[in-house]
Protein backbone atom coordinates (compact mmCIF):
# COMPACT_ATOMS: atom_id res chain seq x y z
CA UNK A 1 -17.27 -54.28 -41.98
CA UNK A 2 -18.73 -51.32 -44.02
CA UNK A 3 -21.38 -53.06 -45.12
CA UNK A 4 -23.41 -56.03 -43.83
CA UNK A 5 -24.07 -57.78 -46.86
CA UNK A 6 -20.39 -58.02 -48.13
CA UNK A 7 -20.23 -61.54 -48.44
CA UNK A 8 -23.36 -61.41 -50.41
CA UNK A 9 -21.75 -58.96 -52.92
CA UNK A 10 -18.45 -60.64 -53.11
CA UNK A 11 -20.53 -63.68 -54.10
CA UNK A 12 -22.56 -62.00 -56.68
CA UNK A 13 -19.18 -60.44 -58.22
CA UNK A 14 -17.78 -64.04 -58.20
CA UNK A 15 -20.80 -65.65 -59.89
CA UNK A 16 -20.49 -62.91 -62.84
CA UNK A 17 -16.70 -63.69 -63.53
CA UNK A 18 -16.11 -60.23 -62.16
CA UNK A 19 -12.31 -59.19 -62.56
CA UNK A 20 -12.97 -55.74 -61.14
CA UNK A 21 -13.91 -56.20 -57.51
CA UNK A 22 -11.57 -53.18 -56.84
CA UNK A 23 -13.72 -50.77 -58.53
CA UNK A 24 -15.44 -48.99 -55.93
CA UNK A 25 -18.48 -47.96 -58.14
CA UNK A 26 -19.02 -51.46 -59.25
CA UNK A 27 -18.58 -52.75 -55.59
CA UNK A 28 -21.10 -50.13 -54.63
CA UNK A 29 -23.82 -51.30 -57.11
CA UNK A 30 -23.21 -54.83 -55.99
CA UNK A 31 -23.79 -53.95 -52.60
CA UNK A 32 -26.87 -51.84 -53.07
CA UNK A 33 -28.06 -54.62 -55.20
CA UNK A 34 -27.69 -57.11 -52.55
CA UNK A 35 -29.45 -54.77 -50.24
CA UNK A 36 -32.34 -54.47 -52.35
CA UNK A 37 -32.49 -58.09 -52.73
CA UNK A 38 -32.21 -58.47 -48.89
CA UNK A 39 -35.01 -56.15 -48.07
CA UNK A 40 -37.60 -57.78 -50.88
CA UNK A 41 -36.48 -61.25 -49.47
CA UNK A 42 -37.42 -59.89 -45.75
CA UNK A 43 -40.53 -58.82 -46.81
CA UNK A 44 -41.49 -61.65 -49.06
CA UNK A 45 -40.99 -64.16 -46.26
CA UNK A 46 -44.36 -63.14 -44.73
CA UNK A 47 -45.99 -64.98 -47.03
CA UNK A 48 -48.74 -62.34 -48.16
CA UNK A 49 -49.26 -61.09 -44.34
CA UNK A 50 -47.45 -58.48 -42.48
CA UNK A 51 -44.24 -59.78 -41.06
CA UNK A 52 -44.03 -59.49 -37.34
CA UNK A 53 -40.62 -59.17 -35.09
CA UNK A 54 -40.71 -61.76 -32.19
CA UNK A 55 -42.31 -60.48 -29.03
CA UNK A 56 -41.74 -61.97 -25.80
CA UNK A 57 -43.02 -62.51 -22.05
CA UNK A 58 -42.14 -59.98 -18.90
CA UNK A 59 -40.22 -62.71 -17.78
CA UNK A 60 -37.85 -62.48 -20.65
CA UNK A 61 -36.84 -58.72 -20.05
CA UNK A 62 -33.32 -58.16 -19.59
CA UNK A 63 -32.36 -56.81 -16.31
CA UNK A 64 -30.34 -53.93 -17.70
CA UNK A 65 -31.25 -52.26 -20.77
CA UNK A 66 -27.68 -50.76 -22.01
CA UNK A 67 -27.44 -47.69 -23.73
CA UNK A 68 -25.33 -47.33 -27.14
CA UNK A 69 -24.08 -44.68 -29.23
CA UNK A 70 -25.19 -41.35 -27.40
CA UNK A 71 -25.66 -41.58 -23.72
CA UNK A 72 -27.06 -37.93 -23.28
CA UNK A 73 -27.38 -34.98 -25.34
CA UNK A 74 -24.59 -32.36 -24.33
CA UNK A 75 -26.75 -28.87 -24.92
CA UNK A 76 -28.00 -26.45 -22.88
CA UNK A 77 -31.74 -26.87 -24.10
CA UNK A 78 -31.63 -30.55 -23.35
CA UNK A 79 -30.41 -30.06 -20.18
CA UNK A 80 -33.16 -27.75 -19.30
CA UNK A 81 -35.60 -29.95 -20.71
CA UNK A 82 -34.48 -32.63 -18.59
CA UNK A 83 -34.56 -30.34 -15.40
CA UNK A 84 -38.23 -30.00 -15.95
CA UNK A 85 -38.72 -33.64 -16.57
CA UNK A 86 -39.14 -33.26 -20.54
CA UNK A 87 -42.79 -31.51 -19.73
CA UNK A 88 -42.18 -29.18 -22.75
CA UNK A 89 -40.66 -31.36 -25.08
CA UNK A 90 -42.19 -31.19 -28.47
CA UNK A 91 -42.24 -33.34 -31.72
CA UNK A 92 -42.74 -31.77 -35.06
CA UNK A 93 -44.27 -33.77 -37.99
CA UNK A 94 -44.08 -32.03 -41.46
CA UNK A 95 -42.63 -32.28 -44.89
CA UNK A 96 -45.22 -33.76 -47.45
CA UNK A 97 -47.98 -33.92 -45.50
CA UNK A 98 -51.32 -32.23 -45.55
CA UNK A 99 -51.76 -31.59 -41.81
CA UNK A 100 -48.19 -30.55 -40.37
CA UNK A 101 -48.45 -30.48 -36.61
CA UNK A 102 -46.40 -30.36 -33.32
CA UNK A 103 -46.95 -32.96 -30.84
CA UNK A 104 -46.50 -32.09 -27.03
CA UNK A 105 -45.46 -34.96 -24.51
CA UNK A 106 -49.13 -34.62 -23.37
CA UNK A 107 -50.34 -35.36 -27.06
CA UNK A 108 -48.14 -38.29 -27.43
CA UNK A 109 -49.66 -39.92 -24.40
CA UNK A 110 -53.00 -39.16 -25.26
CA UNK A 111 -52.68 -41.11 -28.36
CA UNK A 112 -53.45 -45.02 -28.44
CA UNK A 113 -50.80 -46.58 -26.80
CA UNK A 114 -49.04 -50.20 -28.05
CA UNK A 115 -47.07 -52.20 -25.63
CA UNK A 116 -44.75 -54.84 -27.19
CA UNK A 117 -41.41 -56.57 -25.77
CA UNK A 118 -39.30 -57.00 -28.36
CA UNK A 119 -35.18 -57.82 -28.51
CA UNK A 120 -33.20 -54.81 -29.45
CA UNK A 121 -30.29 -56.31 -31.56
CA UNK A 122 -27.19 -54.32 -31.92
CA UNK A 123 -24.89 -54.02 -35.02
CA UNK A 124 -22.07 -54.53 -32.50
CA UNK A 125 -23.23 -58.01 -31.57
CA UNK A 126 -25.19 -57.87 -28.23
CA UNK A 127 -28.83 -57.95 -27.71
CA UNK A 128 -31.33 -56.81 -24.97
CA UNK A 129 -34.97 -57.41 -24.28
CA UNK A 130 -37.24 -54.57 -23.43
CA UNK A 131 -41.07 -53.50 -22.86
CA UNK A 132 -41.59 -50.40 -24.78
CA UNK A 133 -44.89 -48.38 -24.79
CA UNK A 134 -45.48 -45.52 -26.89
CA UNK A 135 -48.19 -44.69 -29.99
CA UNK A 136 -47.98 -46.41 -33.36
CA UNK A 137 -46.28 -44.29 -35.99
CA UNK A 138 -48.96 -44.88 -38.36
CA UNK A 139 -51.39 -43.10 -35.99
CA UNK A 140 -49.55 -40.08 -36.15
CA UNK A 141 -49.20 -40.18 -40.03
CA UNK A 142 -52.67 -40.78 -40.37
CA UNK A 143 -53.46 -37.54 -38.45
CA UNK A 144 -50.72 -35.81 -40.92
CA UNK A 145 -51.82 -37.33 -44.13
CA UNK A 146 -48.42 -37.87 -46.05
CA UNK A 147 -49.02 -36.92 -49.42
CA UNK A 148 -48.63 -39.55 -52.34
CA UNK A 149 -45.44 -38.37 -53.36
CA UNK A 150 -43.90 -39.02 -49.79
CA UNK A 151 -41.59 -42.48 -50.18
CA UNK A 152 -40.02 -41.95 -46.99
CA UNK A 153 -40.05 -40.84 -43.19
CA UNK A 154 -36.99 -39.18 -42.04
CA UNK A 155 -36.53 -39.04 -38.10
CA UNK A 156 -34.72 -35.97 -36.63
CA UNK A 157 -32.66 -36.28 -33.38
CA UNK A 158 -31.45 -33.53 -30.71
CA UNK A 159 -28.02 -35.99 -30.42
CA UNK A 160 -25.05 -35.32 -32.14
CA UNK A 161 -22.19 -37.46 -32.93
CA UNK A 162 -18.75 -36.09 -34.34
CA UNK A 163 -20.46 -32.61 -34.64
CA UNK A 164 -23.24 -33.95 -37.22
CA UNK A 165 -26.79 -34.16 -35.82
CA UNK A 166 -27.99 -37.97 -35.83
CA UNK A 167 -31.01 -39.06 -37.86
CA UNK A 168 -32.41 -41.94 -39.62
CA UNK A 169 -35.27 -42.90 -42.06
CA UNK A 170 -37.24 -45.73 -43.36
CA UNK A 171 -39.85 -46.32 -45.88
CA UNK A 172 -43.58 -45.78 -45.88
CA UNK A 173 -43.96 -50.05 -45.38
CA UNK A 174 -41.77 -49.71 -42.13
CA UNK A 175 -43.31 -46.40 -41.02
CA UNK A 176 -47.06 -47.91 -41.22
CA UNK A 177 -45.73 -51.62 -39.86
CA UNK A 178 -47.66 -51.88 -36.39
CA UNK A 179 -44.54 -52.32 -34.27
CA UNK A 180 -43.47 -49.19 -35.54
CA UNK A 181 -43.78 -46.77 -32.32
CA UNK A 182 -42.64 -43.93 -30.69
CA UNK A 183 -41.69 -45.10 -27.40
CA UNK A 184 -41.73 -43.00 -24.54
CA UNK A 185 -41.55 -45.95 -21.44
CA UNK A 186 -39.18 -48.95 -21.04
CA UNK A 187 -40.06 -51.30 -18.74
CA UNK A 188 -42.80 -49.50 -17.35
CA UNK A 189 -40.95 -46.24 -16.45
CA UNK A 190 -40.44 -42.92 -18.56
CA UNK A 191 -37.24 -43.74 -21.04
CA UNK A 192 -34.00 -43.52 -19.29
CA UNK A 193 -31.79 -40.77 -20.60
CA UNK A 194 -29.15 -43.22 -21.99
CA UNK A 195 -31.87 -44.89 -23.79
CA UNK A 196 -33.17 -41.91 -25.58
CA UNK A 197 -35.45 -39.79 -23.25
CA UNK A 198 -37.80 -38.58 -23.75
CA UNK A 199 -38.74 -40.14 -27.40
CA UNK A 200 -37.43 -42.53 -29.51
CA UNK A 201 -38.09 -44.56 -32.49
CA UNK A 202 -38.62 -48.33 -32.52
CA UNK A 203 -38.30 -50.12 -36.05
CA UNK A 204 -38.37 -53.38 -34.50
CA UNK A 205 -37.71 -55.55 -37.72
CA UNK A 206 -34.34 -53.56 -38.31
CA UNK A 207 -30.78 -53.37 -36.28
CA UNK A 208 -30.38 -51.14 -33.30
CA UNK A 209 -28.53 -48.04 -35.18
CA UNK A 210 -32.24 -47.52 -37.00
CA UNK A 211 -33.86 -46.80 -33.81
CA UNK A 212 -33.29 -43.07 -33.45
CA UNK A 213 -33.14 -41.65 -30.17
CA UNK A 214 -33.90 -38.15 -28.43
CA UNK A 215 -36.38 -37.39 -31.37
CA UNK A 216 -37.28 -34.19 -32.08
CA UNK A 217 -39.06 -34.14 -35.82
CA UNK A 218 -40.38 -36.47 -38.36
CA UNK A 219 -40.42 -35.39 -41.80
CA UNK A 220 -42.22 -37.16 -45.11
CA UNK A 221 -40.14 -36.76 -47.96
CA UNK A 222 -39.90 -37.98 -51.48
CA UNK A 223 -36.32 -38.58 -51.64
CA UNK A 224 -33.33 -39.11 -49.41
CA UNK A 225 -30.79 -37.67 -51.64
CA UNK A 226 -30.61 -34.14 -50.31
CA UNK A 227 -30.69 -35.14 -46.73
CA UNK A 228 -27.30 -35.38 -44.78
CA UNK A 229 -25.13 -37.14 -47.37
CA UNK A 230 -27.87 -38.68 -49.02
CA UNK A 231 -27.84 -42.32 -47.70
CA UNK A 232 -30.50 -42.38 -45.41
CA UNK A 233 -28.87 -42.19 -41.96
CA UNK A 234 -26.24 -40.98 -40.09
CA UNK A 235 -24.15 -44.23 -39.94
CA UNK A 236 -24.96 -44.87 -43.80
CA UNK A 237 -23.47 -41.79 -44.73
CA UNK A 238 -20.41 -42.43 -42.49
CA UNK A 239 -19.48 -45.89 -42.36
CA UNK A 240 -21.31 -47.29 -45.25
CA UNK A 241 -23.99 -48.94 -42.88
CA UNK A 242 -27.01 -50.33 -44.92
CA UNK A 243 -29.94 -48.41 -45.31
CA UNK A 244 -32.24 -51.29 -44.95
CA UNK A 245 -31.15 -53.26 -41.77
CA UNK A 246 -33.58 -56.18 -41.45
CA UNK A 247 -33.17 -58.64 -39.05
């Protein structure tokens, strides 16, 4: 399935009496419209409050939290970082911000930390519950001070798939959501390699492919058009995955 809202789009075409469902441009417009509808509905269900992903108890934590996609980063730089326990790993914060910065792992750990036990839902159909610890992305953005022109946050990663660097993005609503964190621990220990060590995004209200691993950079941007193929993420660019993957 290239888009999770295929049935919604197809239904819209049927109700409109469309006889040109084979028209790729028309189909893309229908799908994009369904995606926007999905995002609006997902947020409207909060009823004026901030919708939160379900959180669980420690008794619910999965005995094994599998990795998916990249299981490591096949570069000399990453292997060297792993050998030194990621002591010198850095997260660059830039783009449309008043205060560009580079955060060390020590800086990340020194920020106020949030602990949350949430369920990771993969587009492939499996789920796992884990306890994540890390600073809220909002704390980092408040220090960086995005400009009024910034509409999206782009997350850059050290791993590659098919020769292309992995990346993801979200809008400012999700960037400032209290459950959106930059995790450095899973289940009380340093983040395992297979799960994105030393830093990964937790975007708890969206599917797993949005939770970028091996984070190296965060950029505030006005548009996603000139990044990758312009669809806002690695899988969105290549497989037609939805940019907004709310659950």
